Amino acid sequence: QLLEAIAEGSNDAIYAKDFNGRYLLLNRELCRFLGKSRQELLGRDDREVFPAEDAERIRGDDQKAMRSGLIESAEESLPTTGGRRTFLTTRGPLRDQEGRVIGVFGIARDITERNFQEREIRAGESRFRAIFDGVNDGIVLHDFNNGVILEGNVKATEMFGYDRQEIRHLTIADLSSDTAPFTRDLLSKWLERVSQGESPVFEWMAKHKDGHFFYVQISMRMAEVSGRPCVLVLIRKLRDRD
């Protein structure tokens, strides 16, 4: 009764089959996915539930779990009343009181929407990266709280001579010549004005990794990234001031 209560309260599809693949136990969620009642499924095997190709694959996975004695998880695509869905299925051997394998159990979680969202996030990140690295100005994202550069685009790495990993260990001040009047103190004052809502644009003397100085135009504005206050810094090299 406790097992049945747990199974019925789960949002995952839960089942147990005997050694020959016949359903011994299944919960309400599995019935919902398949659009069949418990009475229609108990005692049946997958050949009577799924298309032949799916049934053959499922039977093969069940037999592998019973032979290996291991509990493993894998994604699988299954037909449901709502069309084909992707499930993360955990499968393992079902044992009797003496430890002998008498069947297989499974817990299947519908991850269709999660996978879709992950694909959308990856696509969004790819679009962002294409834009971020495609502009002609250098861009660095500065963490306002600790001063560290979180990210720099390709143009910024080319402009200052650092690779992407190196630039993430620097601060905006490290990219400055720190010579009067382009001092760290003045840079801090610019950042403070940005924190008060200003979006200043000004000329600055920057420093390359190899030590040489060059003039740039800097534009700053506040931005929130993953709940973290940041300063978006756009840097344009002033070629006529080299």
Protein backbone atom coordinates (compact mmCIF):
# COMPACT_ATOMS: atom_id res chain seq x y z
CA GLN A 1 0.00 0.00 0.00
CA LEU A 2 2.89 2.37 0.80
CA LEU A 3 4.56 1.57 -2.53
CA GLU A 4 1.30 2.16 -4.36
CA ALA A 5 0.76 5.48 -2.58
CA ILE A 6 4.24 6.66 -3.54
CA ALA A 7 3.86 5.52 -7.14
CA GLU A 8 0.44 7.12 -7.53
CA GLY A 9 1.65 10.41 -6.05
CA SER A 10 4.58 10.69 -8.44
CA ASN A 11 4.67 12.86 -11.55
CA ASP A 12 7.00 10.30 -13.14
CA ALA A 13 5.82 7.19 -14.94
CA ILE A 14 6.65 4.16 -12.76
CA TYR A 15 6.40 0.50 -13.74
CA ALA A 16 7.63 -3.00 -12.96
CA LYS A 17 7.70 -5.95 -15.38
CA ASP A 18 8.31 -9.66 -14.93
CA PHE A 19 11.17 -11.56 -16.56
CA ASN A 20 9.16 -11.93 -19.79
CA GLY A 21 8.34 -8.23 -19.99
CA ARG A 22 4.75 -8.35 -18.75
CA TYR A 23 3.60 -5.39 -16.64
CA LEU A 24 3.25 -6.23 -12.95
CA LEU A 25 2.85 -2.70 -11.64
CA LEU A 26 2.24 0.68 -13.23
CA ASN A 27 1.11 4.01 -11.91
CA ARG A 28 -1.50 6.53 -12.98
CA GLU A 29 1.06 8.73 -14.79
CA LEU A 30 2.13 5.89 -17.08
CA CYS A 31 -1.52 5.16 -17.87
CA ARG A 32 -2.00 8.83 -18.72
CA PHE A 33 0.99 8.88 -21.07
CA LEU A 34 -0.21 5.79 -22.90
CA GLY A 35 -3.90 6.64 -22.86
CA LYS A 36 -4.81 3.21 -21.46
CA SER A 37 -6.30 2.00 -18.19
CA ARG A 38 -4.41 -0.08 -15.67
CA GLN A 39 -6.59 -3.08 -16.54
CA GLU A 40 -5.64 -2.76 -20.22
CA LEU A 41 -1.92 -2.81 -19.38
CA LEU A 42 -1.47 -5.28 -16.52
CA GLY A 43 -0.21 -8.63 -17.78
CA ARG A 44 0.58 -7.20 -21.23
CA ASP A 45 4.02 -6.77 -22.71
CA ASP A 46 5.37 -3.86 -24.75
CA ARG A 47 4.55 -5.52 -28.07
CA GLU A 48 0.89 -4.99 -27.21
CA VAL A 49 1.45 -1.38 -26.13
CA PHE A 50 4.02 0.22 -28.43
CA PRO A 51 4.84 0.09 -32.15
CA ALA A 52 7.07 -2.87 -33.04
CA GLU A 53 10.32 -0.87 -33.36
CA ASP A 54 9.85 0.84 -29.99
CA ALA A 55 8.78 -2.40 -28.32
CA GLU A 56 11.88 -4.20 -29.59
CA ARG A 57 14.19 -1.46 -28.33
CA ILE A 58 12.50 -1.31 -24.93
CA ARG A 59 12.74 -5.09 -24.57
CA GLY A 60 16.43 -4.94 -25.44
CA ASP A 61 17.05 -2.25 -22.80
CA ASP A 62 15.10 -4.25 -20.20
CA GLN A 63 17.10 -7.42 -20.92
CA LYS A 64 20.36 -5.49 -20.69
CA ALA A 65 19.37 -4.17 -17.24
CA MET A 66 18.48 -7.66 -16.04
CA ARG A 67 21.74 -9.15 -17.36
CA SER A 68 24.01 -6.44 -15.98
CA GLY A 69 22.27 -6.08 -12.63
CA LEU A 70 22.95 -2.33 -12.81
CA ILE A 71 20.65 0.65 -12.38
CA GLU A 72 21.23 3.09 -15.22
CA SER A 73 19.59 6.21 -16.66
CA ALA A 74 19.25 7.15 -20.31
CA GLU A 75 17.09 9.32 -22.55
CA GLU A 76 14.55 7.62 -24.78
CA SER A 77 11.85 8.74 -27.19
CA LEU A 78 8.41 7.16 -26.80
CA PRO A 79 5.02 7.63 -28.44
CA THR A 80 2.34 8.99 -26.10
CA THR A 81 -1.18 10.34 -26.45
CA GLY A 82 0.44 13.77 -26.83
CA GLY A 83 2.83 12.68 -29.58
CA ARG A 84 6.40 11.50 -29.22
CA ARG A 85 7.99 12.67 -26.00
CA THR A 86 11.50 12.44 -24.59
CA PHE A 87 11.92 10.67 -21.27
CA LEU A 88 14.83 10.28 -18.90
CA THR A 89 14.33 6.67 -17.84
CA THR A 90 16.04 5.03 -14.88
CA ARG A 91 15.98 1.26 -15.32
CA GLY A 92 17.18 -1.53 -13.05
CA PRO A 93 16.72 -5.21 -12.18
CA LEU A 94 13.75 -6.28 -10.07
CA ARG A 95 14.82 -8.86 -7.47
CA ASP A 96 13.01 -11.28 -5.19
CA GLN A 97 13.74 -11.78 -1.49
CA GLU A 98 16.68 -14.08 -2.31
CA GLY A 99 18.21 -11.46 -4.59
CA ARG A 100 17.41 -13.28 -7.82
CA VAL A 101 16.51 -11.13 -10.81
CA ILE A 102 12.84 -11.67 -11.63
CA GLY A 103 12.15 -8.67 -13.83
CA VAL A 104 12.86 -5.01 -14.33
CA PHE A 105 11.59 -1.72 -12.93
CA GLY A 106 11.62 1.72 -14.48
CA ILE A 107 11.01 5.35 -13.58
CA ALA A 108 10.50 7.63 -16.60
CA ARG A 109 10.49 11.42 -16.37
CA ASP A 110 9.17 13.52 -19.24
CA ILE A 111 11.99 15.95 -20.11
CA THR A 112 10.65 17.12 -23.47
CA GLU A 113 10.06 20.69 -22.32
CA ARG A 114 13.31 20.84 -20.39
CA ASN A 115 15.26 19.75 -23.47
CA PHE A 116 13.43 22.32 -25.59
CA GLN A 117 14.24 25.08 -23.11
CA GLU A 118 17.89 24.01 -22.99
CA ARG A 119 18.07 24.10 -26.79
CA GLU A 120 16.51 27.56 -26.81
CA ILE A 121 19.01 28.75 -24.21
CA ARG A 122 21.91 27.35 -26.23
CA ALA A 123 20.53 28.97 -29.39
CA GLY A 124 20.14 32.27 -27.55
CA GLU A 125 23.68 32.04 -26.25
CA SER A 126 24.95 31.32 -29.77
CA ARG A 127 23.11 34.36 -31.13
CA PHE A 128 24.45 36.52 -28.30
CA ARG A 129 27.99 35.25 -28.85
CA ALA A 130 27.78 35.95 -32.59
CA ILE A 131 26.71 39.54 -31.92
CA PHE A 132 29.09 40.01 -28.97
CA ASP A 133 32.09 38.86 -31.00
CA GLY A 134 30.97 40.37 -34.29
CA VAL A 135 31.04 44.08 -33.38
CA ASN A 136 34.03 46.28 -34.22
CA ASP A 137 34.31 47.75 -30.72
CA GLY A 138 35.89 46.06 -27.75
CA ILE A 139 33.38 45.07 -25.06
CA VAL A 140 34.15 44.03 -21.51
CA LEU A 141 31.69 43.22 -18.77
CA HIS A 142 32.92 44.52 -15.42
CA ASP A 143 31.57 43.14 -12.11
CA PHE A 144 30.74 46.28 -10.15
CA ASN A 145 31.06 44.63 -6.74
CA ASN A 146 34.50 43.04 -7.04
CA GLY A 147 35.91 44.90 -10.04
CA VAL A 148 36.81 41.79 -12.01
CA ILE A 149 36.16 41.52 -15.74
CA LEU A 150 33.61 38.75 -16.28
CA GLU A 151 33.86 38.58 -20.05
CA GLY A 152 35.55 40.24 -22.99
CA ASN A 153 34.74 39.91 -26.66
CA VAL A 154 37.12 39.02 -29.48
CA LYS A 155 37.79 42.66 -30.37
CA ALA A 156 38.76 43.45 -26.77
CA THR A 157 41.22 40.55 -26.66
CA GLU A 158 42.75 41.66 -29.96
CA MET A 159 42.94 45.28 -28.83
CA PHE A 160 44.72 44.54 -25.55
CA GLY A 161 46.69 41.42 -26.49
CA TYR A 162 45.18 39.09 -23.89
CA ASP A 163 43.33 35.87 -24.62
CA ARG A 164 39.81 35.42 -23.33
CA GLN A 165 40.86 33.46 -20.25
CA GLU A 166 43.54 36.00 -19.30
CA ILE A 167 41.26 39.00 -19.60
CA ARG A 168 38.81 37.41 -17.13
CA HIS A 169 41.45 37.71 -14.39
CA LEU A 170 41.97 41.44 -14.92
CA THR A 171 40.15 44.61 -13.88
CA ILE A 172 39.32 47.68 -15.93
CA ALA A 173 42.17 49.46 -14.16
CA ASP A 174 44.62 46.81 -15.41
CA LEU A 175 43.77 47.89 -18.96
CA SER A 176 44.57 51.52 -18.14
CA SER A 177 47.92 53.29 -18.48
CA ASP A 178 47.53 54.68 -14.93
CA THR A 179 49.45 57.77 -15.95
CA ALA A 180 48.22 61.30 -15.17
CA PRO A 181 45.55 62.26 -15.85
CA PHE A 182 44.42 58.70 -16.72
CA THR A 183 44.81 57.36 -13.20
CA ARG A 184 43.03 54.56 -11.34
CA ASP A 185 41.51 57.14 -9.00
CA LEU A 186 39.89 59.01 -11.87
CA LEU A 187 38.68 55.72 -13.36
CA SER A 188 37.05 54.88 -10.02
CA LYS A 189 35.22 58.22 -10.14
CA TRP A 190 33.91 57.41 -13.62
CA LEU A 191 32.65 54.06 -12.37
CA GLU A 192 30.99 55.74 -9.40
CA ARG A 193 29.14 58.09 -11.74
CA VAL A 194 27.97 55.08 -13.75
CA SER A 195 26.59 53.50 -10.57
CA GLN A 196 24.53 56.68 -10.05
CA GLY A 197 22.80 56.21 -13.40
CA GLU A 198 25.07 58.14 -15.77
CA SER A 199 26.30 56.73 -19.08
CA PRO A 200 29.53 58.66 -19.69
CA VAL A 201 31.59 58.71 -22.87
CA PHE A 202 35.19 59.87 -22.57
CA GLU A 203 38.70 59.48 -23.98
CA TRP A 204 41.25 57.39 -22.12
CA MET A 205 44.79 56.11 -22.41
CA ALA A 206 44.82 52.31 -22.37
CA LYS A 207 47.68 49.85 -21.93
CA HIS A 208 48.40 46.82 -24.09
CA LYS A 209 49.66 43.56 -22.61
CA ASP A 210 53.12 44.29 -24.04
CA GLY A 211 53.18 47.64 -22.19
CA HIS A 212 52.60 50.16 -24.95
CA PHE A 213 49.93 52.83 -24.50
CA PHE A 214 47.19 53.83 -26.93
CA TYR A 215 44.16 56.11 -26.87
CA VAL A 216 40.61 54.83 -26.75
CA GLN A 217 37.10 56.18 -26.41
CA ILE A 218 35.19 54.55 -23.57
CA SER A 219 31.45 54.33 -23.13
CA MET A 220 30.00 52.94 -19.86
CA ARG A 221 26.58 52.01 -18.58
CA MET A 222 25.14 49.85 -15.82
CA ALA A 223 23.69 46.44 -16.67
CA GLU A 224 22.31 43.61 -14.58
CA VAL A 225 23.55 40.14 -15.49
CA SER A 226 22.09 37.14 -13.65
CA GLY A 227 21.07 39.45 -10.82
CA ARG A 228 24.59 40.86 -10.53
CA PRO A 229 25.28 44.61 -11.00
CA CYS A 230 27.76 45.05 -13.82
CA VAL A 231 29.22 47.81 -15.94
CA LEU A 232 29.10 47.32 -19.69
CA VAL A 233 32.20 48.98 -21.14
CA LEU A 234 32.49 49.69 -24.87
CA ILE A 235 36.00 50.52 -26.03
CA ARG A 236 36.84 52.06 -29.41
CA LYS A 237 40.46 52.54 -30.43
CA LEU A 238 41.26 56.08 -31.64
CA ARG A 239 43.61 55.40 -34.49
CA ASP A 240 44.40 59.08 -35.12
CA ARG A 241 45.70 59.34 -31.54
CA ASP A 242 48.24 56.45 -31.71
